[in-house]
């Protein structure tokens, strides 16, 4: 049986999170994360074919957010390697489990939270 562990330390997750913001200085700062999808939540989404082949992945997504701080309309910026389902799993994990804090309403056009997530097997 394949046993794997997703790296989930808060410092590691925060180090992987970066902010993308439009050039318009009138936009408010992008909110930070209140909760991140970690541990068993993300492990359950690890693509089965990738786990079986012991392949790790790296995904960058950019998402808008709701007035309640939930990520939505995530788009994939980069997926390595392609074709194993890491992008879909990352979007599902962050849209389902991540929550932003200090949200002042829905994201405006051009406001995005950019996230890099590394899928690892240990």
PDB file of N, CA and C in Angstrom:
ATOM      1  N   UNK A   1       0.850  -1.169   0.000  1.00  0.00           N
ATOM      2  CA  UNK A   1       0.000   0.000   0.000  1.00  0.00           C
ATOM      3  C   UNK A   1       0.899   1.237   0.000  1.00  0.00           C
ATOM      4  N   UNK A   2       0.590   2.144  -0.861  1.00  0.00           N
ATOM      5  CA  UNK A   2       1.358   3.381  -0.963  1.00  0.00           C
ATOM      6  C   UNK A   2       0.950   4.328   0.154  1.00  0.00           C
ATOM      7  N   UNK A   3       1.919   4.766   0.880  1.00  0.00           N
ATOM      8  CA  UNK A   3       1.653   5.723   1.952  1.00  0.00           C
ATOM      9  C   UNK A   3       2.344   7.021   1.573  1.00  0.00           C
ATOM     10  N   UNK A   4       1.617   8.104   1.580  1.00  0.00           N
ATOM     11  CA  UNK A   4       2.225   9.387   1.262  1.00  0.00           C
ATOM     12  C   UNK A   4       1.735  10.444   2.221  1.00  0.00           C
ATOM     13  N   UNK A   5       2.537  11.467   2.338  1.00  0.00           N
ATOM     14  CA  UNK A   5       2.202  12.549   3.252  1.00  0.00           C
ATOM     15  C   UNK A   5       2.368  13.862   2.516  1.00  0.00           C
ATOM     16  N   UNK A   6       1.362  14.690   2.549  1.00  0.00           N
ATOM     17  CA  UNK A   6       1.438  16.015   1.956  1.00  0.00           C
ATOM     18  C   UNK A   6       2.128  16.934   2.964  1.00  0.00           C
ATOM     19  N   UNK A   7       3.095  17.695   2.495  1.00  0.00           N
ATOM     20  CA  UNK A   7       3.761  18.641   3.377  1.00  0.00           C
ATOM     21  C   UNK A   7       2.757  19.698   3.782  1.00  0.00           C
ATOM     22  N   UNK A   8       2.529  19.818   5.094  1.00  0.00           N
ATOM     23  CA  UNK A   8       1.425  20.662   5.533  1.00  0.00           C
ATOM     24  C   UNK A   8       1.783  21.692   6.581  1.00  0.00           C
ATOM     25  N   UNK A   9       3.017  21.851   6.899  1.00  0.00           N
ATOM     26  CA  UNK A   9       3.320  22.815   7.954  1.00  0.00           C
ATOM     27  C   UNK A   9       2.876  24.201   7.528  1.00  0.00           C
ATOM     28  N   UNK A  10       2.426  24.961   8.489  1.00  0.00           N
ATOM     29  CA  UNK A  10       1.912  26.297   8.198  1.00  0.00           C
ATOM     30  C   UNK A  10       2.984  27.147   7.548  1.00  0.00           C
ATOM     31  N   UNK A  11       4.220  27.067   8.040  1.00  0.00           N
ATOM     32  CA  UNK A  11       5.290  27.869   7.448  1.00  0.00           C
ATOM     33  C   UNK A  11       5.512  27.487   5.998  1.00  0.00           C
ATOM     34  N   UNK A  12       5.498  26.200   5.700  1.00  0.00           N
ATOM     35  CA  UNK A  12       5.707  25.767   4.329  1.00  0.00           C
ATOM     36  C   UNK A  12       4.584  26.244   3.435  1.00  0.00           C
ATOM     37  N   UNK A  13       3.350  26.138   3.895  1.00  0.00           N
ATOM     38  CA  UNK A  13       2.215  26.588   3.092  1.00  0.00           C
ATOM     39  C   UNK A  13       2.256  28.089   2.876  1.00  0.00           C
ATOM     40  N   UNK A  14       2.566  28.829   3.924  1.00  0.00           N
ATOM     41  CA  UNK A  14       2.614  30.278   3.785  1.00  0.00           C
ATOM     42  C   UNK A  14       3.749  30.700   2.873  1.00  0.00           C
ATOM     43  N   UNK A  15       4.841  29.954   2.879  1.00  0.00           N
ATOM     44  CA  UNK A  15       5.955  30.283   2.005  1.00  0.00           C
ATOM     45  C   UNK A  15       5.599  30.031   0.549  1.00  0.00           C
ATOM     46  N   UNK A  16       4.668  29.126   0.302  1.00  0.00           N
ATOM     47  CA  UNK A  16       4.282  28.808  -1.064  1.00  0.00           C
ATOM     48  C   UNK A  16       3.200  29.728  -1.607  1.00  0.00           C
ATOM     49  N   UNK A  17       2.624  30.534  -0.752  1.00  0.00           N
ATOM     50  CA  UNK A  17       1.528  31.394  -1.162  1.00  0.00           C
ATOM     51  C   UNK A  17       2.080  32.758  -1.528  1.00  0.00           C
ATOM     52  N   UNK A  18       1.745  33.210  -2.708  1.00  0.00           N
ATOM     53  CA  UNK A  18       2.142  34.556  -3.107  1.00  0.00           C
ATOM     54  C   UNK A  18       0.916  35.304  -3.588  1.00  0.00           C
ATOM     55  N   UNK A  19       1.041  36.604  -3.667  1.00  0.00           N
ATOM     56  CA  UNK A  19      -0.105  37.437  -3.992  1.00  0.00           C
ATOM     57  C   UNK A  19       0.063  38.036  -5.374  1.00  0.00           C
ATOM     58  N   UNK A  20      -1.000  37.944  -6.174  1.00  0.00           N
ATOM     59  CA  UNK A  20      -1.030  38.615  -7.466  1.00  0.00           C
ATOM     60  C   UNK A  20      -2.090  39.693  -7.388  1.00  0.00           C
ATOM     61  N   UNK A  21      -1.720  40.887  -7.738  1.00  0.00           N
ATOM     62  CA  UNK A  21      -2.672  41.992  -7.653  1.00  0.00           C
ATOM     63  C   UNK A  21      -2.544  42.829  -8.910  1.00  0.00           C
ATOM     64  N   UNK A  22      -3.647  43.357  -9.403  1.00  0.00           N
ATOM     65  CA  UNK A  22      -3.656  44.194 -10.592  1.00  0.00           C
ATOM     66  C   UNK A  22      -2.839  45.455 -10.344  1.00  0.00           C
ATOM     67  N   UNK A  23      -2.428  46.109 -11.419  1.00  0.00           N
ATOM     68  CA  UNK A  23      -1.607  47.302 -11.321  1.00  0.00           C
ATOM     69  C   UNK A  23      -2.363  48.489 -10.741  1.00  0.00           C
ATOM     70  N   UNK A  24      -3.667  48.452 -10.749  1.00  0.00           N
ATOM     71  CA  UNK A  24      -4.483  49.553 -10.263  1.00  0.00           C
ATOM     72  C   UNK A  24      -4.267  49.756  -8.765  1.00  0.00           C
ATOM     73  N   UNK A  25      -3.688  50.885  -8.393  1.00  0.00           N
ATOM     74  CA  UNK A  25      -3.396  51.169  -6.985  1.00  0.00           C
ATOM     75  C   UNK A  25      -4.662  51.378  -6.168  1.00  0.00           C
ATOM     76  N   UNK A  26      -5.810  51.565  -6.826  1.00  0.00           N
ATOM     77  CA  UNK A  26      -7.062  51.792  -6.108  1.00  0.00           C
ATOM     78  C   UNK A  26      -7.614  50.502  -5.505  1.00  0.00           C
ATOM     79  N   UNK A  27      -7.134  49.360  -5.956  1.00  0.00           N
ATOM     80  CA  UNK A  27      -7.623  48.093  -5.416  1.00  0.00           C
ATOM     81  C   UNK A  27      -7.103  47.901  -3.997  1.00  0.00           C
ATOM     82  N   UNK A  28      -7.950  47.395  -3.106  1.00  0.00           N
ATOM     83  CA  UNK A  28      -7.493  47.131  -1.737  1.00  0.00           C
ATOM     84  C   UNK A  28      -6.503  45.970  -1.726  1.00  0.00           C
ATOM     85  N   UNK A  29      -5.754  45.815  -0.647  1.00  0.00           N
ATOM     86  CA  UNK A  29      -4.811  44.695  -0.566  1.00  0.00           C
ATOM     87  C   UNK A  29      -5.546  43.354  -0.651  1.00  0.00           C
ATOM     88  N   UNK A  30      -4.882  42.374  -1.237  1.00  0.00           N
ATOM     89  CA  UNK A  30      -5.452  41.035  -1.330  1.00  0.00           C
ATOM     90  C   UNK A  30      -5.444  40.422   0.068  1.00  0.00           C
ATOM     91  N   UNK A  31      -6.575  39.850   0.503  1.00  0.00           N
ATOM     92  CA  UNK A  31      -6.636  39.268   1.851  1.00  0.00           C
ATOM     93  C   UNK A  31      -5.687  38.079   2.012  1.00  0.00           C
ATOM     94  N   UNK A  32      -5.319  37.808   3.237  1.00  0.00           N
ATOM     95  CA  UNK A  32      -4.464  36.657   3.529  1.00  0.00           C
ATOM     96  C   UNK A  32      -5.337  35.461   3.913  1.00  0.00           C
ATOM     97  N   UNK A  33      -4.698  34.300   4.002  1.00  0.00           N
ATOM     98  CA  UNK A  33      -5.447  33.090   4.319  1.00  0.00           C
ATOM     99  C   UNK A  33      -5.774  32.995   5.801  1.00  0.00           C
ATOM    100  N   UNK A  34      -6.996  32.583   6.077  1.00  0.00           N
ATOM    101  CA  UNK A  34      -7.435  32.229   7.431  1.00  0.00           C
ATOM    102  C   UNK A  34      -7.194  30.736   7.632  1.00  0.00           C
ATOM    103  N   UNK A  35      -7.578  29.940   6.627  1.00  0.00           N
ATOM    104  CA  UNK A  35      -7.338  28.496   6.650  1.00  0.00           C
ATOM    105  C   UNK A  35      -6.844  28.046   5.285  1.00  0.00           C
ATOM    106  N   UNK A  36      -5.988  27.040   5.298  1.00  0.00           N
ATOM    107  CA  UNK A  36      -5.462  26.437   4.076  1.00  0.00           C
ATOM    108  C   UNK A  36      -5.874  24.971   4.028  1.00  0.00           C
ATOM    109  N   UNK A  37      -6.032  24.439   2.824  1.00  0.00           N
ATOM    110  CA  UNK A  37      -6.339  23.007   2.721  1.00  0.00           C
ATOM    111  C   UNK A  37      -5.066  22.207   2.981  1.00  0.00           C
ATOM    112  N   UNK A  38      -5.073  21.423   4.035  1.00  0.00           N
ATOM    113  CA  UNK A  38      -3.868  20.678   4.407  1.00  0.00           C
ATOM    114  C   UNK A  38      -4.222  19.254   4.821  1.00  0.00           C
ATOM    115  N   UNK A  39      -3.195  18.485   5.094  1.00  0.00           N
ATOM    116  CA  UNK A  39      -3.367  17.156   5.661  1.00  0.00           C
ATOM    117  C   UNK A  39      -4.233  16.225   4.849  1.00  0.00           C
ATOM    118  N   UNK A  40      -5.120  15.542   5.559  1.00  0.00           N
ATOM    119  CA  UNK A  40      -5.955  14.515   4.948  1.00  0.00           C
ATOM    120  C   UNK A  40      -6.857  15.079   3.858  1.00  0.00           C
ATOM    121  N   UNK A  41      -7.272  16.338   3.994  1.00  0.00           N
ATOM    122  CA  UNK A  41      -8.138  16.946   2.979  1.00  0.00           C
ATOM    123  C   UNK A  41      -7.461  16.918   1.611  1.00  0.00           C
ATOM    124  N   UNK A  42      -6.212  17.341   1.546  1.00  0.00           N
ATOM    125  CA  UNK A  42      -5.505  17.347   0.266  1.00  0.00           C
ATOM    126  C   UNK A  42      -5.009  15.948  -0.101  1.00  0.00           C
ATOM    127  N   UNK A  43      -4.611  15.161   0.889  1.00  0.00           N
ATOM    128  CA  UNK A  43      -4.146  13.800   0.600  1.00  0.00           C
ATOM    129  C   UNK A  43      -5.235  12.992  -0.098  1.00  0.00           C
ATOM    130  N   UNK A  44      -6.483  13.218   0.287  1.00  0.00           N
ATOM    131  CA  UNK A  44      -7.589  12.484  -0.338  1.00  0.00           C
ATOM    132  C   UNK A  44      -7.804  12.897  -1.791  1.00  0.00           C
ATOM    133  N   UNK A  45      -7.271  14.056  -2.182  1.00  0.00           N
ATOM    134  CA  UNK A  45      -7.416  14.545  -3.555  1.00  0.00           C
ATOM    135  C   UNK A  45      -6.211  14.205  -4.437  1.00  0.00           C
ATOM    136  N   UNK A  46      -5.165  13.607  -3.850  1.00  0.00           N
ATOM    137  CA  UNK A  46      -3.961  13.290  -4.628  1.00  0.00           C
ATOM    138  C   UNK A  46      -4.370  12.420  -5.817  1.00  0.00           C
ATOM    139  N   UNK A  47      -4.021  12.827  -7.045  1.00  0.00           N
ATOM    140  CA  UNK A  47      -4.424  12.049  -8.218  1.00  0.00           C
ATOM    141  C   UNK A  47      -3.946  10.596  -8.130  1.00  0.00           C
ATOM    142  N   UNK A  48      -4.854   9.666  -8.319  1.00  0.00           N
ATOM    143  CA  UNK A  48      -4.567   8.243  -8.120  1.00  0.00           C
ATOM    144  C   UNK A  48      -3.447   7.724  -9.024  1.00  0.00           C
ATOM    145  N   UNK A  49      -3.486   8.093 -10.317  1.00  0.00           N
ATOM    146  CA  UNK A  49      -2.448   7.618 -11.238  1.00  0.00           C
ATOM    147  C   UNK A  49      -1.078   8.167 -10.842  1.00  0.00           C
ATOM    148  N   UNK A  50      -1.038   9.405 -10.392  1.00  0.00           N
ATOM    149  CA  UNK A  50       0.225  10.010  -9.958  1.00  0.00           C
ATOM    150  C   UNK A  50       0.734   9.331  -8.690  1.00  0.00           C
ATOM    151  N   UNK A  51      -0.155   9.036  -7.760  1.00  0.00           N
ATOM    152  CA  UNK A  51       0.243   8.360  -6.522  1.00  0.00           C
ATOM    153  C   UNK A  51       0.789   6.969  -6.831  1.00  0.00           C
ATOM    154  N   UNK A  52       0.105   6.250  -7.714  1.00  0.00           N
ATOM    155  CA  UNK A  52       0.535   4.892  -8.072  1.00  0.00           C
ATOM    156  C   UNK A  52       1.920   4.909  -8.716  1.00  0.00           C
ATOM    157  N   UNK A  53       2.177   5.924  -9.547  1.00  0.00           N
ATOM    158  CA  UNK A  53       3.466   6.045 -10.230  1.00  0.00           C
ATOM    159  C   UNK A  53       4.496   6.809  -9.390  1.00  0.00           C
ATOM    160  N   UNK A  54       4.101   7.224  -8.188  1.00  0.00           N
ATOM    161  CA  UNK A  54       4.957   7.999  -7.281  1.00  0.00           C
ATOM    162  C   UNK A  54       5.471   9.284  -7.931  1.00  0.00           C
ATOM    163  N   UNK A  55       4.562   9.983  -8.589  1.00  0.00           N
ATOM    164  CA  UNK A  55       4.879  11.246  -9.253  1.00  0.00           C
ATOM    165  C   UNK A  55       4.390  12.397  -8.388  1.00  0.00           C
ATOM    166  N   UNK A  56       5.243  13.398  -8.228  1.00  0.00           N
ATOM    167  CA  UNK A  56       4.892  14.597  -7.472  1.00  0.00           C
ATOM    168  C   UNK A  56       4.542  15.716  -8.441  1.00  0.00           C
ATOM    169  N   UNK A  57       3.828  16.723  -7.963  1.00  0.00           N
ATOM    170  CA  UNK A  57       3.385  17.803  -8.834  1.00  0.00           C
ATOM    171  C   UNK A  57       3.567  19.176  -8.223  1.00  0.00           C
ATOM    172  N   UNK A  58       3.461  20.175  -9.079  1.00  0.00           N
ATOM    173  CA  UNK A  58       3.592  21.577  -8.684  1.00  0.00           C
ATOM    174  C   UNK A  58       2.561  22.360  -9.487  1.00  0.00           C
ATOM    175  N   UNK A  59       1.696  23.099  -8.796  1.00  0.00           N
ATOM    176  CA  UNK A  59       0.605  23.810  -9.469  1.00  0.00           C
ATOM    177  C   UNK A  59       0.538  25.248  -8.968  1.00  0.00           C
ATOM    178  N   UNK A  60       0.304  26.170  -9.897  1.00  0.00           N
ATOM    179  CA  UNK A  60       0.057  27.569  -9.554  1.00  0.00           C
ATOM    180  C   UNK A  60      -1.337  27.905 -10.060  1.00  0.00           C
ATOM    181  N   UNK A  61      -2.179  28.437  -9.159  1.00  0.00           N
ATOM    182  CA  UNK A  61      -3.530  28.855  -9.529  1.00  0.00           C
ATOM    183  C   UNK A  61      -3.742  30.305  -9.094  1.00  0.00           C
ATOM    184  N   UNK A  62      -4.721  30.952  -9.706  1.00  0.00           N
ATOM    185  CA  UNK A  62      -5.126  32.304  -9.314  1.00  0.00           C
ATOM    186  C   UNK A  62      -6.640  32.282  -9.172  1.00  0.00           C
ATOM    187  N   UNK A  63      -7.135  32.827  -8.055  1.00  0.00           N
ATOM    188  CA  UNK A  63      -8.561  32.729  -7.738  1.00  0.00           C
ATOM    189  C   UNK A  63      -9.143  34.068  -7.309  1.00  0.00           C
ATOM    190  N   UNK A  64     -10.415  34.251  -7.611  1.00  0.00           N
ATOM    191  CA  UNK A  64     -11.179  35.334  -7.021  1.00  0.00           C
ATOM    192  C   UNK A  64     -11.741  34.824  -5.708  1.00  0.00           C
ATOM    193  N   UNK A  65     -12.581  35.640  -5.037  1.00  0.00           N
ATOM    194  CA  UNK A  65     -13.156  35.204  -3.770  1.00  0.00           C
ATOM    195  C   UNK A  65     -14.534  35.794  -3.557  1.00  0.00           C
ATOM    196  N   UNK A  66     -15.282  35.138  -2.677  1.00  0.00           N
ATOM    197  CA  UNK A  66     -16.630  35.585  -2.332  1.00  0.00           C
ATOM    198  C   UNK A  66     -16.563  36.558  -1.156  1.00  0.00           C
ATOM    199  N   UNK A  67     -17.695  37.171  -0.854  1.00  0.00           N
ATOM    200  CA  UNK A  67     -17.772  38.094   0.285  1.00  0.00           C
ATOM    201  C   UNK A  67     -17.525  37.374   1.611  1.00  0.00           C
ATOM    202  N   UNK A  68     -17.697  36.050   1.623  1.00  0.00           N
ATOM    203  CA  UNK A  68     -17.455  35.266   2.842  1.00  0.00           C
ATOM    204  C   UNK A  68     -16.029  34.716   2.910  1.00  0.00           C
ATOM    205  N   UNK A  69     -15.197  35.037   1.912  1.00  0.00           N
ATOM    206  CA  UNK A  69     -13.800  34.624   1.943  1.00  0.00           C
ATOM    207  C   UNK A  69     -13.481  33.289   1.315  1.00  0.00           C
ATOM    208  N   UNK A  70     -14.431  32.704   0.591  1.00  0.00           N
ATOM    209  CA  UNK A  70     -14.175  31.427  -0.079  1.00  0.00           C
ATOM    210  C   UNK A  70     -13.618  31.689  -1.477  1.00  0.00           C
ATOM    211  N   UNK A  71     -12.639  30.891  -1.887  1.00  0.00           N
ATOM    212  CA  UNK A  71     -12.064  31.054  -3.214  1.00  0.00           C
ATOM    213  C   UNK A  71     -13.044  30.557  -4.267  1.00  0.00           C
ATOM    214  N   UNK A  72     -13.016  31.210  -5.431  1.00  0.00           N
ATOM    215  CA  UNK A  72     -13.905  30.818  -6.530  1.00  0.00           C
ATOM    216  C   UNK A  72     -13.245  31.179  -7.853  1.00  0.00           C
ATOM    217  N   UNK A  73     -13.785  30.610  -8.910  1.00  0.00           N
ATOM    218  CA  UNK A  73     -13.312  30.899 -10.269  1.00  0.00           C
ATOM    219  C   UNK A  73     -11.792  30.770 -10.395  1.00  0.00           C
ATOM    220  N   UNK A  74     -11.245  29.730  -9.808  1.00  0.00           N
ATOM    221  CA  UNK A  74      -9.795  29.527  -9.889  1.00  0.00           C
ATOM    222  C   UNK A  74      -9.403  29.131 -11.305  1.00  0.00           C
ATOM    223  N   UNK A  75      -8.295  29.665 -11.748  1.00  0.00           N
ATOM    224  CA  UNK A  75      -7.755  29.307 -13.064  1.00  0.00           C
ATOM    225  C   UNK A  75      -6.333  28.803 -12.869  1.00  0.00           C
ATOM    226  N   UNK A  76      -5.959  27.868 -13.696  1.00  0.00           N
ATOM    227  CA  UNK A  76      -4.633  27.265 -13.599  1.00  0.00           C
ATOM    228  C   UNK A  76      -3.649  28.113 -14.390  1.00  0.00           C
ATOM    229  N   UNK A  77      -2.581  28.508 -13.739  1.00  0.00           N
ATOM    230  CA  UNK A  77      -1.518  29.254 -14.406  1.00  0.00           C
ATOM    231  C   UNK A  77      -0.433  28.293 -14.878  1.00  0.00           C
ATOM    232  N   UNK A  78      -0.116  27.307 -14.034  1.00  0.00           N
ATOM    233  CA  UNK A  78       0.955  26.358 -14.365  1.00  0.00           C
ATOM    234  C   UNK A  78       0.692  25.028 -13.664  1.00  0.00           C
ATOM    235  N   UNK A  79       0.944  23.941 -14.372  1.00  0.00           N
ATOM    236  CA  UNK A  79       0.841  22.594 -13.801  1.00  0.00           C
ATOM    237  C   UNK A  79       2.025  21.772 -14.295  1.00  0.00           C
ATOM    238  N   UNK A  80       2.774  21.205 -13.362  1.00  0.00           N
ATOM    239  CA  UNK A  80       3.913  20.369 -13.715  1.00  0.00           C
ATOM    240  C   UNK A  80       3.877  19.111 -12.857  1.00  0.00           C
ATOM    241  N   UNK A  81       3.934  17.928 -13.457  1.00  0.00           N
ATOM    242  CA  UNK A  81       3.761  17.641 -14.874  1.00  0.00           C
ATOM    243  C   UNK A  81       2.285  17.721 -15.263  1.00  0.00           C
ATOM    244  N   UNK A  82       2.039  17.943 -16.514  1.00  0.00           N
ATOM    245  CA  UNK A  82       0.661  18.007 -17.001  1.00  0.00           C
ATOM    246  C   UNK A  82       0.106  16.603 -17.209  1.00  0.00           C
ATOM    247  N   UNK A  83      -1.208  16.498 -17.159  1.00  0.00           N
ATOM    248  CA  UNK A  83      -1.863  15.256 -17.513  1.00  0.00           C
ATOM    249  C   UNK A  83      -2.134  14.271 -16.388  1.00  0.00           C
ATOM    250  N   UNK A  84      -1.731  14.587 -15.172  1.00  0.00           N
ATOM    251  CA  UNK A  84      -1.974  13.677 -14.050  1.00  0.00           C
ATOM    252  C   UNK A  84      -3.129  14.107 -13.161  1.00  0.00           C
ATOM    253  N   UNK A  85      -3.668  15.292 -13.387  1.00  0.00           N
ATOM    254  CA  UNK A  85      -4.799  15.757 -12.591  1.00  0.00           C
ATOM    255  C   UNK A  85      -4.437  16.629 -11.402  1.00  0.00           C
ATOM    256  N   UNK A  86      -3.177  17.060 -11.324  1.00  0.00           N
ATOM    257  CA  UNK A  86      -2.774  17.913 -10.204  1.00  0.00           C
ATOM    258  C   UNK A  86      -3.503  19.257 -10.225  1.00  0.00           C
ATOM    259  N   UNK A  87      -3.708  19.827 -11.412  1.00  0.00           N
ATOM    260  CA  UNK A  87      -4.382  21.132 -11.503  1.00  0.00           C
ATOM    261  C   UNK A  87      -5.808  21.045 -10.975  1.00  0.00           C
ATOM    262  N   UNK A  88      -6.554  20.046 -11.435  1.00  0.00           N
ATOM    263  CA  UNK A  88      -7.940  19.883 -10.998  1.00  0.00           C
ATOM    264  C   UNK A  88      -8.019  19.644  -9.494  1.00  0.00           C
ATOM    265  N   UNK A  89      -7.113  18.831  -8.973  1.00  0.00           N
ATOM    266  CA  UNK A  89      -7.109  18.536  -7.537  1.00  0.00           C
ATOM    267  C   UNK A  89      -6.781  19.781  -6.716  1.00  0.00           C
ATOM    268  N   UNK A  90      -5.867  20.602  -7.205  1.00  0.00           N
ATOM    269  CA  UNK A  90      -5.499  21.831  -6.495  1.00  0.00           C
ATOM    270  C   UNK A  90      -6.667  22.801  -6.464  1.00  0.00           C
ATOM    271  N   UNK A  91      -7.304  22.999  -7.611  1.00  0.00           N
ATOM    272  CA  UNK A  91      -8.469  23.894  -7.670  1.00  0.00           C
ATOM    273  C   UNK A  91      -9.557  23.397  -6.722  1.00  0.00           C
ATOM    274  N   UNK A  92      -9.856  22.107  -6.779  1.00  0.00           N
ATOM    275  CA  UNK A  92     -10.901  21.553  -5.908  1.00  0.00           C
ATOM    276  C   UNK A  92     -10.540  21.741  -4.439  1.00  0.00           C
ATOM    277  N   UNK A  93      -9.307  21.462  -4.083  1.00  0.00           N
ATOM    278  CA  UNK A  93      -8.873  21.598  -2.697  1.00  0.00           C
ATOM    279  C   UNK A  93      -8.973  23.021  -2.183  1.00  0.00           C
ATOM    280  N   UNK A  94      -8.527  23.976  -2.971  1.00  0.00           N
ATOM    281  CA  UNK A  94      -8.550  25.364  -2.510  1.00  0.00           C
ATOM    282  C   UNK A  94      -9.954  25.956  -2.558  1.00  0.00           C
ATOM    283  N   UNK A  95     -10.753  25.614  -3.571  1.00  0.00           N
ATOM    284  CA  UNK A  95     -12.126  26.132  -3.608  1.00  0.00           C
ATOM    285  C   UNK A  95     -12.988  25.503  -2.509  1.00  0.00           C
ATOM    286  N   UNK A  96     -12.646  24.305  -2.077  1.00  0.00           N
ATOM    287  CA  UNK A  96     -13.425  23.613  -1.048  1.00  0.00           C
ATOM    288  C   UNK A  96     -12.968  23.947   0.365  1.00  0.00           C
ATOM    289  N   UNK A  97     -11.662  23.986   0.611  1.00  0.00           N
ATOM    290  CA  UNK A  97     -11.152  24.051   1.977  1.00  0.00           C
ATOM    291  C   UNK A  97     -10.489  25.368   2.395  1.00  0.00           C
ATOM    292  N   UNK A  98     -10.050  26.193   1.460  1.00  0.00           N
ATOM    293  CA  UNK A  98      -9.353  27.429   1.838  1.00  0.00           C
ATOM    294  C   UNK A  98     -10.342  28.529   2.193  1.00  0.00           C
ATOM    295  N   UNK A  99      -9.926  29.383   3.107  1.00  0.00           N
ATOM    296  CA  UNK A  99     -10.759  30.527   3.499  1.00  0.00           C
ATOM    297  C   UNK A  99      -9.854  31.730   3.752  1.00  0.00           C
ATOM    298  N   UNK A 100     -10.274  32.882   3.246  1.00  0.00           N
ATOM    299  CA  UNK A 100      -9.523  34.119   3.444  1.00  0.00           C
ATOM    300  C   UNK A 100     -10.060  34.874   4.647  1.00  0.00           C
ATOM    301  N   UNK A 101      -9.220  35.701   5.245  1.00  0.00           N
ATOM    302  CA  UNK A 101      -9.669  36.535   6.365  1.00  0.00           C
ATOM    303  C   UNK A 101      -9.637  38.003   5.946  1.00  0.00           C
ATOM    304  N   UNK A 102     -10.302  38.829   6.712  1.00  0.00           N
ATOM    305  CA  UNK A 102     -10.333  40.274   6.472  1.00  0.00           C
ATOM    306  C   UNK A 102     -10.804  40.621   5.063  1.00  0.00           C
ATOM    307  N   UNK A 103     -11.853  39.954   4.624  1.00  0.00           N
ATOM    308  CA  UNK A 103     -12.403  40.188   3.294  1.00  0.00           C
ATOM    309  C   UNK A 103     -13.389  41.351   3.364  1.00  0.00           C
ATOM    310  N   UNK A 104     -13.231  42.298   2.446  1.00  0.00           N
ATOM    311  CA  UNK A 104     -14.118  43.466   2.408  1.00  0.00           C
ATOM    312  C   UNK A 104     -15.060  43.359   1.213  1.00  0.00           C
ATOM    313  N   UNK A 105     -15.656  42.186   1.031  1.00  0.00           N
ATOM    314  CA  UNK A 105     -16.554  41.969  -0.101  1.00  0.00           C
ATOM    315  C   UNK A 105     -15.937  41.052  -1.132  1.00  0.00           C
ATOM    316  N   UNK A 106     -16.681  40.842  -2.207  1.00  0.00           N
ATOM    317  CA  UNK A 106     -16.203  39.978  -3.290  1.00  0.00           C
ATOM    318  C   UNK A 106     -14.994  40.595  -3.976  1.00  0.00           C
ATOM    319  N   UNK A 107     -14.193  39.748  -4.603  1.00  0.00           N
ATOM    320  CA  UNK A 107     -13.057  40.254  -5.364  1.00  0.00           C
ATOM    321  C   UNK A 107     -13.569  41.039  -6.564  1.00  0.00           C
ATOM    322  N   UNK A 108     -12.887  42.104  -6.870  1.00  0.00           N
ATOM    323  CA  UNK A 108     -13.224  42.924  -8.026  1.00  0.00           C
ATOM    324  C   UNK A 108     -12.487  42.384  -9.247  1.00  0.00           C
ATOM    325  N   UNK A 109     -12.872  42.844 -10.408  1.00  0.00           N
ATOM    326  CA  UNK A 109     -12.192  42.459 -11.637  1.00  0.00           C
ATOM    327  C   UNK A 109     -10.705  42.797 -11.493  1.00  0.00           C
ATOM    328  N   UNK A 110      -9.856  41.833 -11.713  1.00  0.00           N
ATOM    329  CA  UNK A 110      -8.414  42.043 -11.598  1.00  0.00           C
ATOM    330  C   UNK A 110      -7.833  41.671 -10.247  1.00  0.00           C
ATOM    331  N   UNK A 111      -8.667  41.463  -9.252  1.00  0.00           N
ATOM    332  CA  UNK A 111      -8.179  41.041  -7.933  1.00  0.00           C
ATOM    333  C   UNK A 111      -8.123  39.518  -7.902  1.00  0.00           C
ATOM    334  N   UNK A 112      -6.968  38.977  -7.578  1.00  0.00           N
ATOM    335  CA  UNK A 112      -6.803  37.533  -7.494  1.00  0.00           C
ATOM    336  C   UNK A 112      -5.862  37.177  -6.359  1.00  0.00           C
ATOM    337  N   UNK A 113      -6.077  36.016  -5.822  1.00  0.00           N
ATOM    338  CA  UNK A 113      -5.159  35.426  -4.854  1.00  0.00           C
ATOM    339  C   UNK A 113      -4.402  34.360  -5.628  1.00  0.00           C
ATOM    340  N   UNK A 114      -3.097  34.491  -5.710  1.00  0.00           N
ATOM    341  CA  UNK A 114      -2.271  33.544  -6.447  1.00  0.00           C
ATOM    342  C   UNK A 114      -1.657  32.563  -5.455  1.00  0.00           C
ATOM    343  N   UNK A 115      -1.741  31.274  -5.777  1.00  0.00           N
ATOM    344  CA  UNK A 115      -1.284  30.223  -4.867  1.00  0.00           C
ATOM    345  C   UNK A 115      -0.428  29.215  -5.623  1.00  0.00           C
ATOM    346  N   UNK A 116       0.674  28.828  -5.008  1.00  0.00           N
ATOM    347  CA  UNK A 116       1.495  27.732  -5.535  1.00  0.00           C
ATOM    348  C   UNK A 116       1.383  26.587  -4.542  1.00  0.00           C
ATOM    349  N   UNK A 117       1.051  25.405  -5.039  1.00  0.00           N
ATOM    350  CA  UNK A 117       0.909  24.235  -4.171  1.00  0.00           C
ATOM    351  C   UNK A 117       1.768  23.100  -4.710  1.00  0.00           C
ATOM    352  N   UNK A 118       2.585  22.518  -3.844  1.00  0.00           N
ATOM    353  CA  UNK A 118       3.439  21.392  -4.227  1.00  0.00           C
ATOM    354  C   UNK A 118       2.857  20.110  -3.660  1.00  0.00           C
ATOM    355  N   UNK A 119       2.654  19.147  -4.534  1.00  0.00           N
ATOM    356  CA  UNK A 119       2.167  17.819  -4.156  1.00  0.00           C
ATOM    357  C   UNK A 119       3.387  16.925  -3.984  1.00  0.00           C
ATOM    358  N   UNK A 120       3.548  16.357  -2.793  1.00  0.00           N
ATOM    359  CA  UNK A 120       4.710  15.512  -2.528  1.00  0.00           C
ATOM    360  C   UNK A 120       4.291  14.163  -1.959  1.00  0.00           C
ATOM    361  N   UNK A 121       5.117  13.180  -2.208  1.00  0.00           N
ATOM    362  CA  UNK A 121       4.922  11.830  -1.671  1.00  0.00           C
ATOM    363  C   UNK A 121       6.089  11.555  -0.736  1.00  0.00           C
ATOM    364  N   UNK A 122       5.776  11.053   0.435  1.00  0.00           N
ATOM    365  CA  UNK A 122       6.850  10.729   1.392  1.00  0.00           C
ATOM    366  C   UNK A 122       6.680   9.326   1.869  1.00  0.00           C
TER     367      UNK A 122
END
